[in-house]
Amino acid sequence: MSVSCRDKPVQPENFAFSPENLEKANAFIARYPKGRQASAVMALLDLAQRQEGWLPRAAMDHVAAMLDMARVRVYEIATFYSMYKLEPVGRYHLQICTNLPCMLRGSQEIVDAAEQELGVRLGESTEDGLFTLSEVECLGACANAPVIWIGDHYYEDLDTRTVLDLIRALKRGETPDPGSRKGRQGACPEGGPTSLADLEQGGGAGDAS
């Protein structure tokens, strides 16, 4: 069984920041000069989403009132950026990049493996609400494709085995280390750094010894 993310969510009537998050929100606002408080809108939307797990309309309206912005301006921002979730998602939101570099390196196989393991299709959540599976366009980590974005972390250099390992670890309540599944350092070549490697060993064109 699965639940479609495209089902119209039940919108709460009201929203308010928790005392802790209200303090954080005011700190964000205080970073900007008077009359420029709208610059804090993205930070406040993110804060509201972290509190609720998604971004209901009441939260957007609340942010608009705090920043003295027209509601439609806040809606425009929330609907433009894929980081904002306008409907409930699972505890683990698996966002699989399917743009060209990831597709060339096997992202469709990643999608197929994830769908089979979770028993849902793209755009759906598991019945227990634990997982939501989505596709996104270009996560900006093309050198480490294929990539999945979960929470605040990227999981990179995936294949069908490592994506299954990742999902099964999440099912067990574990928190896998983010980054490359191949042990790659940043976006370095898979075999390790090569450019200027001789300089790290004390050599180089400017070495007169």
C-alpha atoms as a PDB file:
ATOM      1  CA  MET A   1       0.000   0.000   0.000  1.00  0.00           C
ATOM      2  CA  SER A   2       1.134   3.531  -0.686  1.00  0.00           C
ATOM      3  CA  VAL A   3      -0.118   7.071  -0.304  1.00  0.00           C
ATOM      4  CA  SER A   4       0.136   9.509  -3.181  1.00  0.00           C
ATOM      5  CA  CYS A   5       1.904  12.795  -2.470  1.00  0.00           C
ATOM      6  CA  ARG A   6      -0.482  14.319  -4.987  1.00  0.00           C
ATOM      7  CA  ASP A   7      -3.524  13.818  -2.747  1.00  0.00           C
ATOM      8  CA  LYS A   8      -4.668  17.226  -1.507  1.00  0.00           C
ATOM      9  CA  PRO A   9      -3.293  17.623   2.043  1.00  0.00           C
ATOM     10  CA  VAL A  10      -5.463  18.684   4.959  1.00  0.00           C
ATOM     11  CA  GLN A  11      -4.417  22.235   5.742  1.00  0.00           C
ATOM     12  CA  PRO A  12      -4.219  23.227   9.436  1.00  0.00           C
ATOM     13  CA  GLU A  13      -6.177  26.345  10.324  1.00  0.00           C
ATOM     14  CA  ASN A  14      -3.420  27.973  12.385  1.00  0.00           C
ATOM     15  CA  PHE A  15       0.327  28.042  12.790  1.00  0.00           C
ATOM     16  CA  ALA A  16       2.687  29.541  15.337  1.00  0.00           C
ATOM     17  CA  PHE A  17       6.372  29.097  15.913  1.00  0.00           C
ATOM     18  CA  SER A  18       7.372  27.266  19.045  1.00  0.00           C
ATOM     19  CA  PRO A  19       9.095  29.497  21.625  1.00  0.00           C
ATOM     20  CA  GLU A  20      12.482  28.116  20.611  1.00  0.00           C
ATOM     21  CA  ASN A  21      11.852  28.614  16.899  1.00  0.00           C
ATOM     22  CA  LEU A  22      10.341  32.057  17.452  1.00  0.00           C
ATOM     23  CA  GLU A  23      13.617  33.078  19.054  1.00  0.00           C
ATOM     24  CA  LYS A  24      15.491  31.729  16.031  1.00  0.00           C
ATOM     25  CA  ALA A  25      13.100  33.495  13.651  1.00  0.00           C
ATOM     26  CA  ASN A  26      13.593  36.837  15.376  1.00  0.00           C
ATOM     27  CA  ALA A  27      17.360  36.308  15.228  1.00  0.00           C
ATOM     28  CA  PHE A  28      17.136  35.779  11.463  1.00  0.00           C
ATOM     29  CA  ILE A  29      15.053  38.940  11.063  1.00  0.00           C
ATOM     30  CA  ALA A  30      17.478  40.953  13.165  1.00  0.00           C
ATOM     31  CA  ARG A  31      20.245  40.290  10.645  1.00  0.00           C
ATOM     32  CA  TYR A  32      18.644  42.716   8.174  1.00  0.00           C
ATOM     33  CA  PRO A  33      18.085  46.480   8.337  1.00  0.00           C
ATOM     34  CA  LYS A  34      14.671  47.864   9.195  1.00  0.00           C
ATOM     35  CA  GLY A  35      12.467  47.713   6.133  1.00  0.00           C
ATOM     36  CA  ARG A  36      14.482  44.843   4.661  1.00  0.00           C
ATOM     37  CA  GLN A  37      13.102  42.117   6.906  1.00  0.00           C
ATOM     38  CA  ALA A  38      11.660  40.312   3.871  1.00  0.00           C
ATOM     39  CA  SER A  39      15.202  39.107   3.194  1.00  0.00           C
ATOM     40  CA  ALA A  40      14.677  36.585   6.009  1.00  0.00           C
ATOM     41  CA  VAL A  41      11.773  34.895   4.249  1.00  0.00           C
ATOM     42  CA  MET A  42      13.623  31.790   3.060  1.00  0.00           C
ATOM     43  CA  ALA A  43      15.163  31.175   6.471  1.00  0.00           C
ATOM     44  CA  LEU A  44      11.772  31.504   8.187  1.00  0.00           C
ATOM     45  CA  LEU A  45      10.066  29.204   5.693  1.00  0.00           C
ATOM     46  CA  ASP A  46      12.767  26.610   6.287  1.00  0.00           C
ATOM     47  CA  LEU A  47      12.332  26.982  10.046  1.00  0.00           C
ATOM     48  CA  ALA A  48       8.567  26.525   9.748  1.00  0.00           C
ATOM     49  CA  GLN A  49       9.039  23.453   7.589  1.00  0.00           C
ATOM     50  CA  ARG A  50      11.451  21.895  10.074  1.00  0.00           C
ATOM     51  CA  GLN A  51       8.914  22.460  12.832  1.00  0.00           C
ATOM     52  CA  GLU A  52       5.936  20.999  10.953  1.00  0.00           C
ATOM     53  CA  GLY A  53       7.655  18.495   8.675  1.00  0.00           C
ATOM     54  CA  TRP A  54       6.177  20.313   5.672  1.00  0.00           C
ATOM     55  CA  LEU A  55       5.034  23.837   4.786  1.00  0.00           C
ATOM     56  CA  PRO A  56       1.282  24.340   5.219  1.00  0.00           C
ATOM     57  CA  ARG A  57      -0.432  27.455   3.963  1.00  0.00           C
ATOM     58  CA  ALA A  58      -1.024  28.709   7.515  1.00  0.00           C
ATOM     59  CA  ALA A  59       2.737  28.687   8.104  1.00  0.00           C
ATOM     60  CA  MET A  60       3.352  30.690   4.926  1.00  0.00           C
ATOM     61  CA  ASP A  61       0.694  33.197   5.969  1.00  0.00           C
ATOM     62  CA  HIS A  62       2.263  33.491   9.409  1.00  0.00           C
ATOM     63  CA  VAL A  63       5.684  34.168   7.902  1.00  0.00           C
ATOM     64  CA  ALA A  64       4.165  36.767   5.574  1.00  0.00           C
ATOM     65  CA  ALA A  65       2.602  38.572   8.547  1.00  0.00           C
ATOM     66  CA  MET A  66       5.862  38.478  10.539  1.00  0.00           C
ATOM     67  CA  LEU A  67       7.788  40.004   7.644  1.00  0.00           C
ATOM     68  CA  ASP A  68       5.066  42.431   6.514  1.00  0.00           C
ATOM     69  CA  MET A  69       4.961  40.776   3.099  1.00  0.00           C
ATOM     70  CA  ALA A  70       2.072  40.099   0.766  1.00  0.00           C
ATOM     71  CA  ARG A  71       1.064  36.464   1.094  1.00  0.00           C
ATOM     72  CA  VAL A  72       1.378  35.898  -2.634  1.00  0.00           C
ATOM     73  CA  ARG A  73       5.055  36.886  -2.519  1.00  0.00           C
ATOM     74  CA  VAL A  74       5.696  34.195   0.074  1.00  0.00           C
ATOM     75  CA  TYR A  75       3.716  31.670  -1.994  1.00  0.00           C
ATOM     76  CA  GLU A  76       5.849  32.531  -5.034  1.00  0.00           C
ATOM     77  CA  ILE A  77       9.044  31.719  -3.138  1.00  0.00           C
ATOM     78  CA  ALA A  78       7.679  28.551  -1.554  1.00  0.00           C
ATOM     79  CA  THR A  79       6.475  27.175  -4.873  1.00  0.00           C
ATOM     80  CA  PHE A  80       9.664  28.056  -6.765  1.00  0.00           C
ATOM     81  CA  TYR A  81      12.215  26.194  -4.642  1.00  0.00           C
ATOM     82  CA  SER A  82      12.033  22.404  -4.425  1.00  0.00           C
ATOM     83  CA  MET A  83      13.481  22.542  -0.902  1.00  0.00           C
ATOM     84  CA  TYR A  84      10.040  23.576   0.359  1.00  0.00           C
ATOM     85  CA  LYS A  85       7.457  20.808   0.699  1.00  0.00           C
ATOM     86  CA  LEU A  86       3.885  22.014   0.260  1.00  0.00           C
ATOM     87  CA  GLU A  87       2.426  18.654   1.244  1.00  0.00           C
ATOM     88  CA  PRO A  88       3.346  16.139   3.947  1.00  0.00           C
ATOM     89  CA  VAL A  89       6.318  13.867   3.290  1.00  0.00           C
ATOM     90  CA  GLY A  90       7.694  10.872   5.109  1.00  0.00           C
ATOM     91  CA  ARG A  91      10.279  10.950   7.846  1.00  0.00           C
ATOM     92  CA  TYR A  92      12.796   9.961   5.187  1.00  0.00           C
ATOM     93  CA  HIS A  93      12.226  11.874   1.967  1.00  0.00           C
ATOM     94  CA  LEU A  94      14.317  10.208  -0.742  1.00  0.00           C
ATOM     95  CA  GLN A  95      14.772  12.727  -3.537  1.00  0.00           C
ATOM     96  CA  ILE A  96      16.532  11.058  -6.449  1.00  0.00           C
ATOM     97  CA  CYS A  97      18.221  13.238  -9.035  1.00  0.00           C
ATOM     98  CA  THR A  98      17.182  12.189 -12.544  1.00  0.00           C
ATOM     99  CA  ASN A  99      18.886  14.959 -14.492  1.00  0.00           C
ATOM    100  CA  LEU A 100      21.253  14.107 -17.356  1.00  0.00           C
ATOM    101  CA  PRO A 101      24.543  13.348 -15.514  1.00  0.00           C
ATOM    102  CA  CYS A 102      22.769  11.153 -12.962  1.00  0.00           C
ATOM    103  CA  MET A 103      20.688   9.482 -15.672  1.00  0.00           C
ATOM    104  CA  LEU A 104      23.820   8.673 -17.692  1.00  0.00           C
ATOM    105  CA  ARG A 105      25.331   7.012 -14.613  1.00  0.00           C
ATOM    106  CA  GLY A 106      22.329   4.885 -13.734  1.00  0.00           C
ATOM    107  CA  SER A 107      19.772   6.950 -11.829  1.00  0.00           C
ATOM    108  CA  GLN A 108      16.918   5.035 -13.476  1.00  0.00           C
ATOM    109  CA  GLU A 109      18.278   1.839 -11.940  1.00  0.00           C
ATOM    110  CA  ILE A 110      18.401   3.668  -8.596  1.00  0.00           C
ATOM    111  CA  VAL A 111      14.750   4.669  -9.005  1.00  0.00           C
ATOM    112  CA  ASP A 112      13.736   1.117  -9.947  1.00  0.00           C
ATOM    113  CA  ALA A 113      15.562  -0.392  -6.957  1.00  0.00           C
ATOM    114  CA  ALA A 114      14.078   2.130  -4.519  1.00  0.00           C
ATOM    115  CA  GLU A 115      10.552   1.638  -5.863  1.00  0.00           C
ATOM    116  CA  GLN A 116      10.845  -2.123  -5.556  1.00  0.00           C
ATOM    117  CA  GLU A 117      12.321  -2.013  -2.046  1.00  0.00           C
ATOM    118  CA  LEU A 118       9.744   0.465  -0.715  1.00  0.00           C
ATOM    119  CA  GLY A 119       6.754  -0.779  -2.690  1.00  0.00           C
ATOM    120  CA  VAL A 120       5.876   2.713  -3.919  1.00  0.00           C
ATOM    121  CA  ARG A 121       6.249   4.740  -7.076  1.00  0.00           C
ATOM    122  CA  LEU A 122       7.785   8.162  -7.542  1.00  0.00           C
ATOM    123  CA  GLY A 123       5.536  10.748  -5.920  1.00  0.00           C
ATOM    124  CA  GLU A 124       4.211   8.333  -3.304  1.00  0.00           C
ATOM    125  CA  SER A 125       4.739   7.682   0.399  1.00  0.00           C
ATOM    126  CA  THR A 126       4.746   4.361   2.195  1.00  0.00           C
ATOM    127  CA  GLU A 127       1.585   3.616   4.148  1.00  0.00           C
ATOM    128  CA  ASP A 128       3.419   3.917   7.470  1.00  0.00           C
ATOM    129  CA  GLY A 129       4.527   7.432   6.527  1.00  0.00           C
ATOM    130  CA  LEU A 130       8.181   6.560   6.988  1.00  0.00           C
ATOM    131  CA  PHE A 131       9.358   7.064   3.397  1.00  0.00           C
ATOM    132  CA  THR A 132       8.479   9.361   0.523  1.00  0.00           C
ATOM    133  CA  LEU A 133      10.055   8.807  -2.883  1.00  0.00           C
ATOM    134  CA  SER A 134      10.489  11.728  -5.285  1.00  0.00           C
ATOM    135  CA  GLU A 135      12.588  12.812  -8.237  1.00  0.00           C
ATOM    136  CA  VAL A 136      14.363  16.152  -8.460  1.00  0.00           C
ATOM    137  CA  GLU A 137      16.244  18.009 -11.158  1.00  0.00           C
ATOM    138  CA  CYS A 138      19.992  18.541 -10.674  1.00  0.00           C
ATOM    139  CA  LEU A 139      21.280  18.492  -7.124  1.00  0.00           C
ATOM    140  CA  GLY A 140      24.540  20.064  -8.273  1.00  0.00           C
ATOM    141  CA  ALA A 141      26.745  17.083  -7.409  1.00  0.00           C
ATOM    142  CA  CYS A 142      27.129  15.849 -10.970  1.00  0.00           C
ATOM    143  CA  ALA A 143      30.695  14.561 -10.536  1.00  0.00           C
ATOM    144  CA  ASN A 144      29.414  12.149  -7.888  1.00  0.00           C
ATOM    145  CA  ALA A 145      26.323  10.937  -9.750  1.00  0.00           C
ATOM    146  CA  PRO A 146      23.965   9.225  -9.090  1.00  0.00           C
ATOM    147  CA  VAL A 147      22.830  11.198  -6.051  1.00  0.00           C
ATOM    148  CA  ILE A 148      19.974  11.009  -3.518  1.00  0.00           C
ATOM    149  CA  TRP A 149      19.082  13.897  -1.221  1.00  0.00           C
ATOM    150  CA  ILE A 150      17.698  12.864   2.196  1.00  0.00           C
ATOM    151  CA  GLY A 151      17.052  15.507   4.836  1.00  0.00           C
ATOM    152  CA  ASP A 152      20.117  17.729   4.996  1.00  0.00           C
ATOM    153  CA  HIS A 153      22.471  15.236   3.375  1.00  0.00           C
ATOM    154  CA  TYR A 154      23.562  13.936  -0.023  1.00  0.00           C
ATOM    155  CA  TYR A 155      24.306  10.257  -0.650  1.00  0.00           C
ATOM    156  CA  GLU A 156      26.492   9.987  -3.739  1.00  0.00           C
ATOM    157  CA  ASP A 157      28.118   7.514  -6.139  1.00  0.00           C
ATOM    158  CA  LEU A 158      25.178   5.158  -5.718  1.00  0.00           C
ATOM    159  CA  ASP A 159      24.403   1.888  -7.443  1.00  0.00           C
ATOM    160  CA  THR A 160      21.586  -0.589  -6.930  1.00  0.00           C
ATOM    161  CA  ARG A 161      23.390  -2.386  -4.102  1.00  0.00           C
ATOM    162  CA  THR A 162      24.346   0.718  -2.157  1.00  0.00           C
ATOM    163  CA  VAL A 163      20.902   2.326  -2.482  1.00  0.00           C
ATOM    164  CA  LEU A 164      19.322  -0.839  -1.082  1.00  0.00           C
ATOM    165  CA  ASP A 165      21.860  -0.845   1.753  1.00  0.00           C
ATOM    166  CA  LEU A 166      20.974   2.796   2.435  1.00  0.00           C
ATOM    167  CA  ILE A 167      17.208   2.218   2.520  1.00  0.00           C
ATOM    168  CA  ARG A 168      17.512  -0.877   4.694  1.00  0.00           C
ATOM    169  CA  ALA A 169      19.726   0.989   7.161  1.00  0.00           C
ATOM    170  CA  LEU A 170      17.095   3.727   7.409  1.00  0.00           C
ATOM    171  CA  LYS A 171      14.422   1.095   8.011  1.00  0.00           C
ATOM    172  CA  ARG A 172      16.482  -0.173  10.951  1.00  0.00           C
ATOM    173  CA  GLY A 173      16.562   3.333  12.381  1.00  0.00           C
ATOM    174  CA  GLU A 174      20.227   3.857  11.570  1.00  0.00           C
ATOM    175  CA  THR A 175      21.719   7.097  10.230  1.00  0.00           C
ATOM    176  CA  PRO A 176      24.189   6.245   7.463  1.00  0.00           C
ATOM    177  CA  ASP A 177      27.107   8.605   6.962  1.00  0.00           C
ATOM    178  CA  PRO A 178      26.431  10.998   4.071  1.00  0.00           C
ATOM    179  CA  GLY A 179      28.686  11.424   1.074  1.00  0.00           C
ATOM    180  CA  SER A 180      30.184   9.078  -1.463  1.00  0.00           C
ATOM    181  CA  ARG A 181      29.413   5.369  -1.231  1.00  0.00           C
ATOM    182  CA  LYS A 182      32.799   4.776  -2.888  1.00  0.00           C
ATOM    183  CA  GLY A 183      34.832   6.674  -0.327  1.00  0.00           C
ATOM    184  CA  ARG A 184      35.501   9.506  -2.751  1.00  0.00           C
ATOM    185  CA  GLN A 185      36.882  12.675  -1.143  1.00  0.00           C
ATOM    186  CA  GLY A 186      34.601  15.525  -2.131  1.00  0.00           C
ATOM    187  CA  ALA A 187      34.443  15.647  -5.936  1.00  0.00           C
ATOM    188  CA  CYS A 188      37.979  14.306  -6.443  1.00  0.00           C
ATOM    189  CA  PRO A 189      38.606  11.624  -9.068  1.00  0.00           C
ATOM    190  CA  GLU A 190      37.681   8.138  -7.874  1.00  0.00           C
ATOM    191  CA  GLY A 191      41.342   7.198  -7.645  1.00  0.00           C
ATOM    192  CA  GLY A 192      42.135  10.207  -5.477  1.00  0.00           C
ATOM    193  CA  PRO A 193      43.552  13.691  -6.213  1.00  0.00           C
ATOM    194  CA  THR A 194      45.873  14.001  -9.202  1.00  0.00           C
ATOM    195  CA  SER A 195      46.320  17.738  -9.915  1.00  0.00           C
ATOM    196  CA  LEU A 196      49.379  19.233  -8.202  1.00  0.00           C
ATOM    197  CA  ALA A 197      49.885  15.964  -6.352  1.00  0.00           C
ATOM    198  CA  ASP A 198      53.671  16.373  -6.680  1.00  0.00           C
ATOM    199  CA  LEU A 199      53.487  19.633  -4.732  1.00  0.00           C
ATOM    200  CA  GLU A 200      52.028  17.756  -1.783  1.00  0.00           C
ATOM    201  CA  GLN A 201      55.150  15.600  -1.841  1.00  0.00           C
ATOM    202  CA  GLY A 202      57.526  18.586  -1.852  1.00  0.00           C
ATOM    203  CA  GLY A 203      58.163  18.679  -5.600  1.00  0.00           C
ATOM    204  CA  GLY A 204      56.913  20.987  -8.307  1.00  0.00           C
ATOM    205  CA  ALA A 205      58.205  23.311 -11.004  1.00  0.00           C
ATOM    206  CA  GLY A 206      59.354  25.917  -8.526  1.00  0.00           C
ATOM    207  CA  ASP A 207      61.420  23.504  -6.464  1.00  0.00           C
ATOM    208  CA  ALA A 208      65.113  24.314  -7.004  1.00  0.00           C
ATOM    209  CA  SER A 209      66.397  21.338  -5.033  1.00  0.00           C
END
